[in-house]
C-alpha atoms as a PDB file:
ATOM      1  CA  MET A   1      17.962   5.032 -18.701  1.00  0.00           C
ATOM      2  CA  SER A   2      18.350   2.240 -16.156  1.00  0.00           C
ATOM      3  CA  LEU A   3      18.298   2.474 -12.401  1.00  0.00           C
ATOM      4  CA  VAL A   4      20.218  -0.003 -10.280  1.00  0.00           C
ATOM      5  CA  LEU A   5      18.395  -1.045  -7.118  1.00  0.00           C
ATOM      6  CA  ASP A   6      20.133  -2.762  -4.230  1.00  0.00           C
ATOM      7  CA  ASP A   7      16.790  -4.046  -2.984  1.00  0.00           C
ATOM      8  CA  GLY A   8      13.892  -5.975  -4.420  1.00  0.00           C
ATOM      9  CA  VAL A   9      10.732  -4.663  -6.015  1.00  0.00           C
ATOM     10  CA  PHE A  10       7.359  -6.361  -5.456  1.00  0.00           C
ATOM     11  CA  THR A  11       4.511  -5.740  -7.931  1.00  0.00           C
ATOM     12  CA  THR A  12       0.979  -7.045  -8.093  1.00  0.00           C
ATOM     13  CA  GLU A  13      -2.522  -6.260  -9.289  1.00  0.00           C
ATOM     14  CA  LEU A  14      -5.054  -6.911  -6.551  1.00  0.00           C
ATOM     15  CA  VAL A  15      -8.686  -7.566  -7.528  1.00  0.00           C
ATOM     16  CA  GLY A  16     -11.272  -8.643  -4.984  1.00  0.00           C
ATOM     17  CA  GLY A  17      -8.848  -9.327  -2.165  1.00  0.00           C
ATOM     18  CA  THR A  18      -6.884  -8.046   0.801  1.00  0.00           C
ATOM     19  CA  LEU A  19      -3.141  -7.539   1.234  1.00  0.00           C
ATOM     20  CA  ILE A  20      -1.822  -6.957   4.749  1.00  0.00           C
ATOM     21  CA  ILE A  21       1.700  -5.554   4.947  1.00  0.00           C
ATOM     22  CA  VAL A  22       3.460  -6.575   8.169  1.00  0.00           C
ATOM     23  CA  GLU A  23       6.832  -5.594   9.583  1.00  0.00           C
ATOM     24  CA  ASN A  24       8.678  -8.808   8.721  1.00  0.00           C
ATOM     25  CA  TYR A  25       7.996  -8.254   4.977  1.00  0.00           C
ATOM     26  CA  GLY A  26      10.595  -5.476   5.131  1.00  0.00           C
ATOM     27  CA  VAL A  27       8.618  -3.042   2.938  1.00  0.00           C
ATOM     28  CA  ARG A  28      10.192   0.434   2.989  1.00  0.00           C
ATOM     29  CA  LYS A  29       8.064   2.123   0.336  1.00  0.00           C
ATOM     30  CA  ILE A  30       4.723   1.226  -1.212  1.00  0.00           C
ATOM     31  CA  SER A  31       2.479   2.841  -3.817  1.00  0.00           C
ATOM     32  CA  VAL A  32      -1.124   1.825  -4.422  1.00  0.00           C
ATOM     33  CA  SER A  33      -3.048   3.076  -7.479  1.00  0.00           C
ATOM     34  CA  ASN A  34      -6.695   2.498  -8.330  1.00  0.00           C
ATOM     35  CA  ALA A  35      -7.334   1.681 -12.003  1.00  0.00           C
ATOM     36  CA  SER A  36     -11.087   1.079 -11.662  1.00  0.00           C
ATOM     37  CA  GLU A  37     -14.376   2.839 -10.898  1.00  0.00           C
ATOM     38  CA  VAL A  38     -14.786   0.805  -7.684  1.00  0.00           C
ATOM     39  CA  VAL A  39     -13.281   2.359  -4.527  1.00  0.00           C
ATOM     40  CA  GLY A  40     -10.436   0.543  -2.755  1.00  0.00           C
ATOM     41  CA  THR A  41      -9.083   1.335   0.705  1.00  0.00           C
ATOM     42  CA  VAL A  42      -5.784   1.629   2.540  1.00  0.00           C
ATOM     43  CA  THR A  43      -5.788   1.533   6.344  1.00  0.00           C
ATOM     44  CA  GLY A  44      -2.953   1.917   8.831  1.00  0.00           C
ATOM     45  CA  GLN A  45      -3.134   0.474  12.317  1.00  0.00           C
ATOM     46  CA  GLN A  46      -1.101   3.057  14.243  1.00  0.00           C
ATOM     47  CA  ARG A  47      -2.759   5.389  16.754  1.00  0.00           C
ATOM     48  CA  LEU A  48      -1.827   9.029  17.262  1.00  0.00           C
ATOM     49  CA  GLY A  49      -2.631   9.558  20.914  1.00  0.00           C
ATOM     50  CA  ALA A  50      -6.333   8.787  21.316  1.00  0.00           C
ATOM     51  CA  LEU A  51      -7.007   9.012  17.554  1.00  0.00           C
ATOM     52  CA  ALA A  52      -7.263   5.673  15.727  1.00  0.00           C
ATOM     53  CA  SER A  53      -6.374   5.233  12.065  1.00  0.00           C
ATOM     54  CA  SER A  54      -9.222   5.217   9.568  1.00  0.00           C
ATOM     55  CA  SER A  55      -9.432   4.075   5.968  1.00  0.00           C
ATOM     56  CA  ILE A  56      -8.295   6.207   3.054  1.00  0.00           C
ATOM     57  CA  ASN A  57     -10.536   5.718   0.007  1.00  0.00           C
ATOM     58  CA  LEU A  58      -8.813   5.361  -3.356  1.00  0.00           C
ATOM     59  CA  GLN A  59     -11.040   6.281  -6.272  1.00  0.00           C
ATOM     60  CA  LEU A  60     -10.324   5.964  -9.990  1.00  0.00           C
ATOM     61  CA  ASN A  61      -6.805   7.246 -10.797  1.00  0.00           C
ATOM     62  CA  ASP A  62      -5.986   7.965  -7.133  1.00  0.00           C
ATOM     63  CA  THR A  63      -2.534   6.946  -5.898  1.00  0.00           C
ATOM     64  CA  ILE A  64      -1.115   6.862  -2.392  1.00  0.00           C
ATOM     65  CA  THR A  65       2.571   6.403  -1.581  1.00  0.00           C
ATOM     66  CA  ILE A  66       3.813   5.552   1.901  1.00  0.00           C
ATOM     67  CA  ILE A  67       7.512   5.762   2.744  1.00  0.00           C
ATOM     68  CA  ALA A  68       9.294   4.599   5.893  1.00  0.00           C
ATOM     69  CA  THR A  69      12.366   6.694   6.728  1.00  0.00           C
ATOM     70  CA  ASP A  70      15.686   6.245   8.492  1.00  0.00           C
ATOM     71  CA  GLY A  71      15.908   2.493   7.841  1.00  0.00           C
ATOM     72  CA  ALA A  72      12.439   1.769   9.235  1.00  0.00           C
ATOM     73  CA  VAL A  73       9.889  -0.484   7.533  1.00  0.00           C
ATOM     74  CA  ILE A  74       6.125  -0.236   7.093  1.00  0.00           C
ATOM     75  CA  LYS A  75       4.126  -2.280   9.580  1.00  0.00           C
ATOM     76  CA  ASN A  76       0.458  -3.184   9.768  1.00  0.00           C
ATOM     77  CA  LEU A  77      -0.951  -1.632   6.609  1.00  0.00           C
ATOM     78  CA  THR A  78      -4.134  -3.153   5.154  1.00  0.00           C
ATOM     79  CA  ILE A  79      -5.012  -2.764   1.462  1.00  0.00           C
ATOM     80  CA  VAL A  80      -8.513  -3.841   0.434  1.00  0.00           C
ATOM     81  CA  SER A  81      -9.755  -4.295  -3.114  1.00  0.00           C
ATOM     82  CA  PRO A  82     -13.472  -5.151  -3.304  1.00  0.00           C
ATOM     83  CA  ALA A  83     -14.873  -7.170  -6.199  1.00  0.00           C
ATOM     84  CA  ASP A  84     -14.254  -5.433  -9.555  1.00  0.00           C
ATOM     85  CA  CYS A  85     -11.705  -3.029  -8.000  1.00  0.00           C
ATOM     86  CA  LEU A  86      -8.231  -3.112  -9.605  1.00  0.00           C
ATOM     87  CA  LEU A  87      -5.485  -1.855  -7.320  1.00  0.00           C
ATOM     88  CA  LYS A  88      -1.941  -1.739  -8.747  1.00  0.00           C
ATOM     89  CA  ILE A  89       0.703  -2.127  -6.054  1.00  0.00           C
ATOM     90  CA  VAL A  90       4.444  -1.538  -6.199  1.00  0.00           C
ATOM     91  CA  ALA A  91       6.617  -2.008  -3.102  1.00  0.00           C
ATOM     92  CA  LEU A  92      10.318  -1.575  -2.427  1.00  0.00           C
ATOM     93  CA  VAL A  93      11.639  -4.261  -0.072  1.00  0.00           C
END
């Protein structure tokens, strides 16, 4: 079975680096999976009232998916892969 997408798909494997998703990238959906024993992190920058965002730890086989709705895009999301941490990333743009 094939799916036809009107938009582009970005894929990468991040090892020992940082990827910062900003608004002008136009990312509407992103999934990050950890394929290693080393913990990676995903951190948003938005505040909810007085509460600041904090990092979400991704351990082996953990996956997080973030979806913007109603035509919005994801802004200011930081993905960090320490040395020896393999994060697999798929984004719909």
